[in-house]
């Protein structure tokens, strides 16, 4: 089983999205974050389940999960048996491949988030 590691920028992305949803629907924001963690946990057993983003074909370094309204971008490292979640964005936003390799992305800062209680 692969280990799931969230980068700090990806967690920040998810926080910003949840904060926006919470402006109108705080409970929905909390449930959405729980759903994202639950769905991304499937990557532990099925790291290739996401698709290669259409904007990056034929490059296959990154994959994505679509958990409406967001896209969650990740890469795998089979030598470490690890899935690195690197970026979260709302689906209607324009994709910028530079967001996958942000300057403030530091593998030493990668973390496993404290998941909310059900």
N, C-alpha and C. Protein backbone atom coordinates (compact mmCIF):
# COMPACT_ATOMS: atom_id res chain seq x y z
N UNK A 1 0.83 -1.19 0.00
CA UNK A 1 0.00 0.00 0.00
C UNK A 1 0.87 1.25 0.00
N UNK A 2 0.46 2.20 -0.81
CA UNK A 2 1.20 3.45 -0.90
C UNK A 2 0.83 4.36 0.27
N UNK A 3 1.76 5.22 0.59
CA UNK A 3 1.55 6.23 1.63
C UNK A 3 1.11 7.51 0.94
N UNK A 4 0.11 8.18 1.49
CA UNK A 4 -0.39 9.45 0.94
C UNK A 4 0.30 10.59 1.67
N UNK A 5 0.90 11.50 0.90
CA UNK A 5 1.57 12.67 1.48
C UNK A 5 1.04 13.92 0.80
N UNK A 6 0.48 14.80 1.59
CA UNK A 6 -0.03 16.08 1.08
C UNK A 6 1.06 17.14 1.20
N UNK A 7 1.29 17.87 0.12
CA UNK A 7 2.22 19.00 0.21
C UNK A 7 1.51 20.15 0.92
N UNK A 8 2.29 21.01 1.53
CA UNK A 8 1.73 22.18 2.22
C UNK A 8 0.93 23.05 1.24
N UNK A 9 1.44 23.33 0.03
CA UNK A 9 0.64 24.12 -0.90
C UNK A 9 -0.70 23.48 -1.25
N UNK A 10 -0.75 22.15 -1.38
CA UNK A 10 -2.02 21.48 -1.70
C UNK A 10 -3.00 21.61 -0.54
N UNK A 11 -2.52 21.48 0.68
CA UNK A 11 -3.39 21.67 1.85
C UNK A 11 -3.89 23.11 1.91
N UNK A 12 -3.02 24.06 1.58
CA UNK A 12 -3.43 25.47 1.53
C UNK A 12 -4.51 25.69 0.47
N UNK A 13 -4.34 25.05 -0.69
CA UNK A 13 -5.34 25.14 -1.75
C UNK A 13 -6.69 24.65 -1.25
N UNK A 14 -6.69 23.47 -0.62
CA UNK A 14 -7.93 22.89 -0.12
C UNK A 14 -8.55 23.77 0.95
N UNK A 15 -7.74 24.33 1.82
CA UNK A 15 -8.24 25.26 2.86
C UNK A 15 -8.94 26.46 2.24
N UNK A 16 -8.33 27.05 1.21
CA UNK A 16 -8.91 28.23 0.57
C UNK A 16 -10.26 27.88 -0.07
N UNK A 17 -10.32 26.73 -0.71
CA UNK A 17 -11.57 26.30 -1.35
C UNK A 17 -12.65 26.06 -0.29
N UNK A 18 -12.28 25.38 0.79
CA UNK A 18 -13.23 25.11 1.87
C UNK A 18 -13.70 26.41 2.52
N UNK A 19 -12.79 27.35 2.70
CA UNK A 19 -13.17 28.65 3.27
C UNK A 19 -14.20 29.36 2.40
N UNK A 20 -14.02 29.28 1.09
CA UNK A 20 -14.95 29.92 0.17
C UNK A 20 -16.32 29.25 0.25
N UNK A 21 -16.35 27.92 0.25
CA UNK A 21 -17.62 27.20 0.36
C UNK A 21 -18.30 27.53 1.69
N UNK A 22 -17.51 27.64 2.75
CA UNK A 22 -18.04 27.88 4.09
C UNK A 22 -18.68 29.26 4.24
N UNK A 23 -18.39 30.19 3.35
CA UNK A 23 -19.02 31.51 3.43
C UNK A 23 -20.54 31.38 3.40
N UNK A 24 -21.04 30.45 2.59
CA UNK A 24 -22.49 30.25 2.49
C UNK A 24 -22.96 28.98 3.18
N UNK A 25 -22.09 27.95 3.18
CA UNK A 25 -22.52 26.64 3.68
C UNK A 25 -21.40 25.98 4.49
N UNK A 26 -21.25 26.36 5.76
CA UNK A 26 -20.16 25.81 6.58
C UNK A 26 -20.19 24.28 6.69
N UNK A 27 -21.37 23.71 6.84
CA UNK A 27 -21.47 22.26 6.96
C UNK A 27 -21.06 21.57 5.66
N UNK A 28 -21.46 22.14 4.54
CA UNK A 28 -21.09 21.58 3.25
C UNK A 28 -19.57 21.62 3.05
N UNK A 29 -18.93 22.68 3.51
CA UNK A 29 -17.47 22.80 3.40
C UNK A 29 -16.79 21.69 4.19
N UNK A 30 -17.25 21.48 5.40
CA UNK A 30 -16.67 20.43 6.25
C UNK A 30 -16.87 19.04 5.62
N UNK A 31 -18.06 18.79 5.12
CA UNK A 31 -18.33 17.49 4.48
C UNK A 31 -17.49 17.31 3.22
N UNK A 32 -17.30 18.40 2.48
CA UNK A 32 -16.49 18.31 1.26
C UNK A 32 -15.04 17.94 1.60
N UNK A 33 -14.47 18.58 2.59
CA UNK A 33 -13.09 18.28 2.98
C UNK A 33 -12.99 16.81 3.42
N UNK A 34 -13.95 16.33 4.18
CA UNK A 34 -13.95 14.92 4.59
C UNK A 34 -14.01 14.01 3.37
N UNK A 35 -14.83 14.37 2.38
CA UNK A 35 -14.95 13.57 1.16
C UNK A 35 -13.62 13.55 0.40
N UNK A 36 -12.96 14.68 0.32
CA UNK A 36 -11.67 14.74 -0.39
C UNK A 36 -10.67 13.79 0.28
N UNK A 37 -10.58 13.84 1.61
CA UNK A 37 -9.63 12.95 2.30
C UNK A 37 -10.03 11.48 2.13
N UNK A 38 -11.31 11.20 2.20
CA UNK A 38 -11.78 9.82 2.03
C UNK A 38 -11.46 9.30 0.62
N UNK A 39 -11.78 10.12 -0.38
CA UNK A 39 -11.54 9.70 -1.76
C UNK A 39 -10.06 9.60 -2.10
N UNK A 40 -9.25 10.53 -1.59
CA UNK A 40 -7.81 10.45 -1.88
C UNK A 40 -7.16 9.29 -1.12
N UNK A 41 -7.76 8.85 -0.02
CA UNK A 41 -7.23 7.67 0.68
C UNK A 41 -7.26 6.42 -0.19
N UNK A 42 -8.15 6.38 -1.18
CA UNK A 42 -8.19 5.24 -2.10
C UNK A 42 -6.88 5.10 -2.88
N UNK A 43 -6.15 6.20 -3.00
CA UNK A 43 -4.87 6.16 -3.71
C UNK A 43 -3.85 5.26 -3.00
N UNK A 44 -4.05 5.01 -1.72
CA UNK A 44 -3.16 4.09 -1.01
C UNK A 44 -3.14 2.73 -1.68
N UNK A 45 -4.31 2.26 -2.09
CA UNK A 45 -4.42 0.95 -2.72
C UNK A 45 -4.40 1.02 -4.24
N UNK A 46 -4.84 2.14 -4.79
CA UNK A 46 -4.97 2.27 -6.24
C UNK A 46 -4.31 3.56 -6.73
N UNK A 47 -2.98 3.66 -6.63
CA UNK A 47 -2.32 4.93 -6.96
C UNK A 47 -2.45 5.37 -8.42
N UNK A 48 -2.79 4.46 -9.31
CA UNK A 48 -2.93 4.82 -10.72
C UNK A 48 -4.38 5.06 -11.10
N UNK A 49 -5.28 5.17 -10.12
CA UNK A 49 -6.70 5.29 -10.45
C UNK A 49 -7.06 6.62 -11.09
N UNK A 50 -6.30 7.65 -10.84
CA UNK A 50 -6.58 8.93 -11.47
C UNK A 50 -6.15 8.93 -12.93
N UNK A 51 -6.65 9.90 -13.66
CA UNK A 51 -6.29 9.99 -15.08
C UNK A 51 -5.18 11.01 -15.28
N UNK A 52 -4.49 10.89 -16.39
CA UNK A 52 -3.49 11.90 -16.76
C UNK A 52 -4.28 13.13 -17.23
N UNK A 53 -4.00 14.29 -16.64
CA UNK A 53 -4.74 15.49 -17.05
C UNK A 53 -4.60 15.76 -18.54
N UNK A 54 -5.70 16.09 -19.20
CA UNK A 54 -5.68 16.30 -20.65
C UNK A 54 -4.68 17.38 -21.05
N UNK A 55 -4.46 18.35 -20.17
CA UNK A 55 -3.51 19.43 -20.48
C UNK A 55 -2.07 18.95 -20.49
N UNK A 56 -1.81 17.78 -19.92
CA UNK A 56 -0.44 17.29 -19.80
C UNK A 56 -0.11 16.11 -20.70
N UNK A 57 -1.09 15.59 -21.43
CA UNK A 57 -0.85 14.45 -22.32
C UNK A 57 0.18 14.88 -23.35
N UNK A 58 1.21 14.09 -23.68
CA UNK A 58 1.45 12.70 -23.30
C UNK A 58 2.29 12.55 -22.02
N UNK A 59 2.63 13.62 -21.38
CA UNK A 59 3.43 13.55 -20.15
C UNK A 59 2.63 12.84 -19.07
N UNK A 60 3.22 11.88 -18.39
CA UNK A 60 2.47 11.07 -17.43
C UNK A 60 3.04 11.15 -16.02
N UNK A 61 3.76 12.21 -15.70
CA UNK A 61 4.30 12.35 -14.35
C UNK A 61 3.19 12.59 -13.34
N UNK A 62 2.18 13.37 -13.75
CA UNK A 62 1.10 13.75 -12.85
C UNK A 62 -0.20 13.08 -13.26
N UNK A 63 -1.05 12.84 -12.27
CA UNK A 63 -2.38 12.32 -12.49
C UNK A 63 -3.34 13.22 -11.71
N UNK A 64 -4.63 13.05 -11.95
CA UNK A 64 -5.60 13.84 -11.24
C UNK A 64 -6.82 13.00 -10.86
N UNK A 65 -7.41 13.37 -9.73
CA UNK A 65 -8.72 12.88 -9.33
C UNK A 65 -9.66 14.06 -9.44
N UNK A 66 -10.83 13.82 -9.96
CA UNK A 66 -11.85 14.86 -10.01
C UNK A 66 -12.86 14.55 -8.92
N UNK A 67 -12.92 15.45 -7.96
CA UNK A 67 -13.90 15.36 -6.87
C UNK A 67 -14.64 16.69 -6.92
N UNK A 68 -15.73 16.73 -7.72
CA UNK A 68 -16.40 18.00 -7.96
C UNK A 68 -16.65 18.78 -6.67
N UNK A 69 -16.36 20.08 -6.72
CA UNK A 69 -16.03 20.90 -7.88
C UNK A 69 -14.53 21.02 -8.14
N UNK A 70 -13.71 20.12 -7.59
CA UNK A 70 -12.25 20.30 -7.67
C UNK A 70 -11.53 19.21 -8.44
N UNK A 71 -10.33 19.56 -8.80
CA UNK A 71 -9.36 18.63 -9.39
C UNK A 71 -8.20 18.53 -8.42
N UNK A 72 -7.81 17.30 -8.09
CA UNK A 72 -6.70 17.06 -7.16
C UNK A 72 -5.58 16.43 -7.97
N UNK A 73 -4.44 17.11 -8.01
CA UNK A 73 -3.30 16.65 -8.80
C UNK A 73 -2.28 15.96 -7.90
N UNK A 74 -1.73 14.86 -8.40
CA UNK A 74 -0.76 14.11 -7.62
C UNK A 74 0.25 13.42 -8.53
N UNK A 75 1.33 12.98 -7.92
CA UNK A 75 2.32 12.18 -8.63
C UNK A 75 2.67 11.01 -7.73
N UNK A 76 3.14 9.95 -8.34
CA UNK A 76 3.51 8.77 -7.56
C UNK A 76 5.01 8.57 -7.62
N UNK A 77 5.54 7.97 -6.59
CA UNK A 77 6.94 7.58 -6.54
C UNK A 77 6.95 6.11 -6.12
N UNK A 78 7.06 5.23 -7.12
CA UNK A 78 6.98 3.80 -6.82
C UNK A 78 8.18 3.32 -6.01
N UNK A 79 9.33 4.01 -6.12
CA UNK A 79 10.50 3.58 -5.35
C UNK A 79 10.30 3.81 -3.86
N UNK A 80 9.48 4.81 -3.52
CA UNK A 80 9.17 5.10 -2.11
C UNK A 80 7.77 4.61 -1.74
N UNK A 81 7.06 4.04 -2.71
CA UNK A 81 5.68 3.59 -2.50
C UNK A 81 4.86 4.72 -1.88
N UNK A 82 4.92 5.89 -2.54
CA UNK A 82 4.30 7.10 -2.01
C UNK A 82 3.52 7.82 -3.10
N UNK A 83 2.40 8.41 -2.70
CA UNK A 83 1.61 9.30 -3.55
C UNK A 83 1.73 10.70 -2.96
N UNK A 84 2.19 11.65 -3.76
CA UNK A 84 2.36 13.04 -3.32
C UNK A 84 1.24 13.88 -3.93
N UNK A 85 0.38 14.41 -3.10
CA UNK A 85 -0.67 15.30 -3.57
C UNK A 85 -0.09 16.71 -3.58
N UNK A 86 -0.07 17.31 -4.78
CA UNK A 86 0.68 18.55 -4.95
C UNK A 86 -0.15 19.79 -5.24
N UNK A 87 -1.40 19.62 -5.68
CA UNK A 87 -2.19 20.81 -6.04
C UNK A 87 -3.67 20.46 -6.04
N UNK A 88 -4.48 21.41 -5.58
CA UNK A 88 -5.94 21.30 -5.62
C UNK A 88 -6.47 22.59 -6.24
N UNK A 89 -7.37 22.45 -7.20
CA UNK A 89 -7.95 23.63 -7.82
C UNK A 89 -9.42 23.39 -8.15
N UNK A 90 -10.18 24.45 -8.22
CA UNK A 90 -11.57 24.34 -8.67
C UNK A 90 -11.57 24.02 -10.16
N UNK A 91 -12.50 23.18 -10.56
CA UNK A 91 -12.55 22.71 -11.94
C UNK A 91 -12.75 23.79 -12.98
N UNK A 92 -13.43 24.88 -12.61
CA UNK A 92 -13.69 25.93 -13.60
C UNK A 92 -12.50 26.86 -13.79
N UNK A 93 -11.48 26.74 -12.97
CA UNK A 93 -10.29 27.59 -13.12
C UNK A 93 -9.44 27.12 -14.29
N UNK A 94 -8.71 28.04 -14.86
CA UNK A 94 -7.77 27.68 -15.92
C UNK A 94 -6.58 26.97 -15.30
N UNK A 95 -6.17 25.89 -15.92
CA UNK A 95 -5.05 25.10 -15.41
C UNK A 95 -3.73 25.78 -15.78
N UNK A 96 -2.82 25.83 -14.83
CA UNK A 96 -1.48 26.37 -15.04
C UNK A 96 -0.50 25.30 -14.56
N UNK A 97 0.23 24.70 -15.48
CA UNK A 97 1.13 23.60 -15.09
C UNK A 97 2.20 24.03 -14.10
N UNK A 98 2.50 25.32 -14.03
CA UNK A 98 3.49 25.80 -13.07
C UNK A 98 3.02 25.60 -11.63
N UNK A 99 1.73 25.48 -11.43
CA UNK A 99 1.21 25.26 -10.08
C UNK A 99 1.58 23.88 -9.55
N UNK A 100 1.99 22.98 -10.43
CA UNK A 100 2.41 21.65 -9.99
C UNK A 100 3.83 21.65 -9.43
N UNK A 101 4.62 22.61 -9.82
CA UNK A 101 6.00 22.72 -9.35
C UNK A 101 6.23 24.10 -8.77
N UNK A 102 5.45 24.46 -7.79
CA UNK A 102 5.55 25.79 -7.18
C UNK A 102 6.87 25.97 -6.45
N UNK A 103 7.41 27.19 -6.48
CA UNK A 103 8.68 27.44 -5.80
C UNK A 103 8.64 27.11 -4.31
N UNK A 104 7.48 27.28 -3.68
CA UNK A 104 7.41 27.01 -2.25
C UNK A 104 7.13 25.53 -1.97
N UNK A 105 7.13 24.72 -3.02
CA UNK A 105 6.95 23.28 -2.83
C UNK A 105 8.27 22.69 -2.36
N UNK A 106 8.24 22.10 -1.20
CA UNK A 106 9.45 21.53 -0.60
C UNK A 106 9.11 20.16 -0.06
N UNK A 107 9.66 19.08 -0.65
CA UNK A 107 9.34 17.74 -0.17
C UNK A 107 9.60 17.55 1.32
N UNK A 108 10.50 18.34 1.88
CA UNK A 108 10.77 18.23 3.31
C UNK A 108 9.59 18.74 4.14
N UNK A 109 8.75 19.59 3.51
CA UNK A 109 7.60 20.14 4.22
C UNK A 109 6.35 19.31 4.00
N UNK A 110 6.43 18.24 3.22
CA UNK A 110 5.24 17.44 2.97
C UNK A 110 4.74 16.85 4.27
N UNK A 111 3.45 16.67 4.32
CA UNK A 111 2.84 16.24 5.57
C UNK A 111 1.64 15.36 5.29
N UNK A 112 1.25 14.62 6.27
CA UNK A 112 -0.02 13.90 6.24
C UNK A 112 -0.96 14.72 7.09
N UNK A 113 -2.10 15.13 6.52
CA UNK A 113 -2.98 16.03 7.25
C UNK A 113 -3.67 15.32 8.41
N UNK A 114 -4.04 16.12 9.41
CA UNK A 114 -4.88 15.61 10.48
C UNK A 114 -6.28 15.54 9.89
N UNK A 115 -6.80 14.35 9.76
CA UNK A 115 -8.09 14.19 9.13
C UNK A 115 -9.19 14.44 10.16
N UNK A 116 -10.26 15.13 9.72
CA UNK A 116 -11.34 15.41 10.65
C UNK A 116 -12.03 14.13 11.09
N UNK A 117 -12.56 14.16 12.30
CA UNK A 117 -13.33 13.04 12.80
C UNK A 117 -14.64 12.97 12.06
N UNK A 118 -15.16 11.78 11.84
CA UNK A 118 -16.47 11.63 11.15
C UNK A 118 -17.59 12.03 12.05
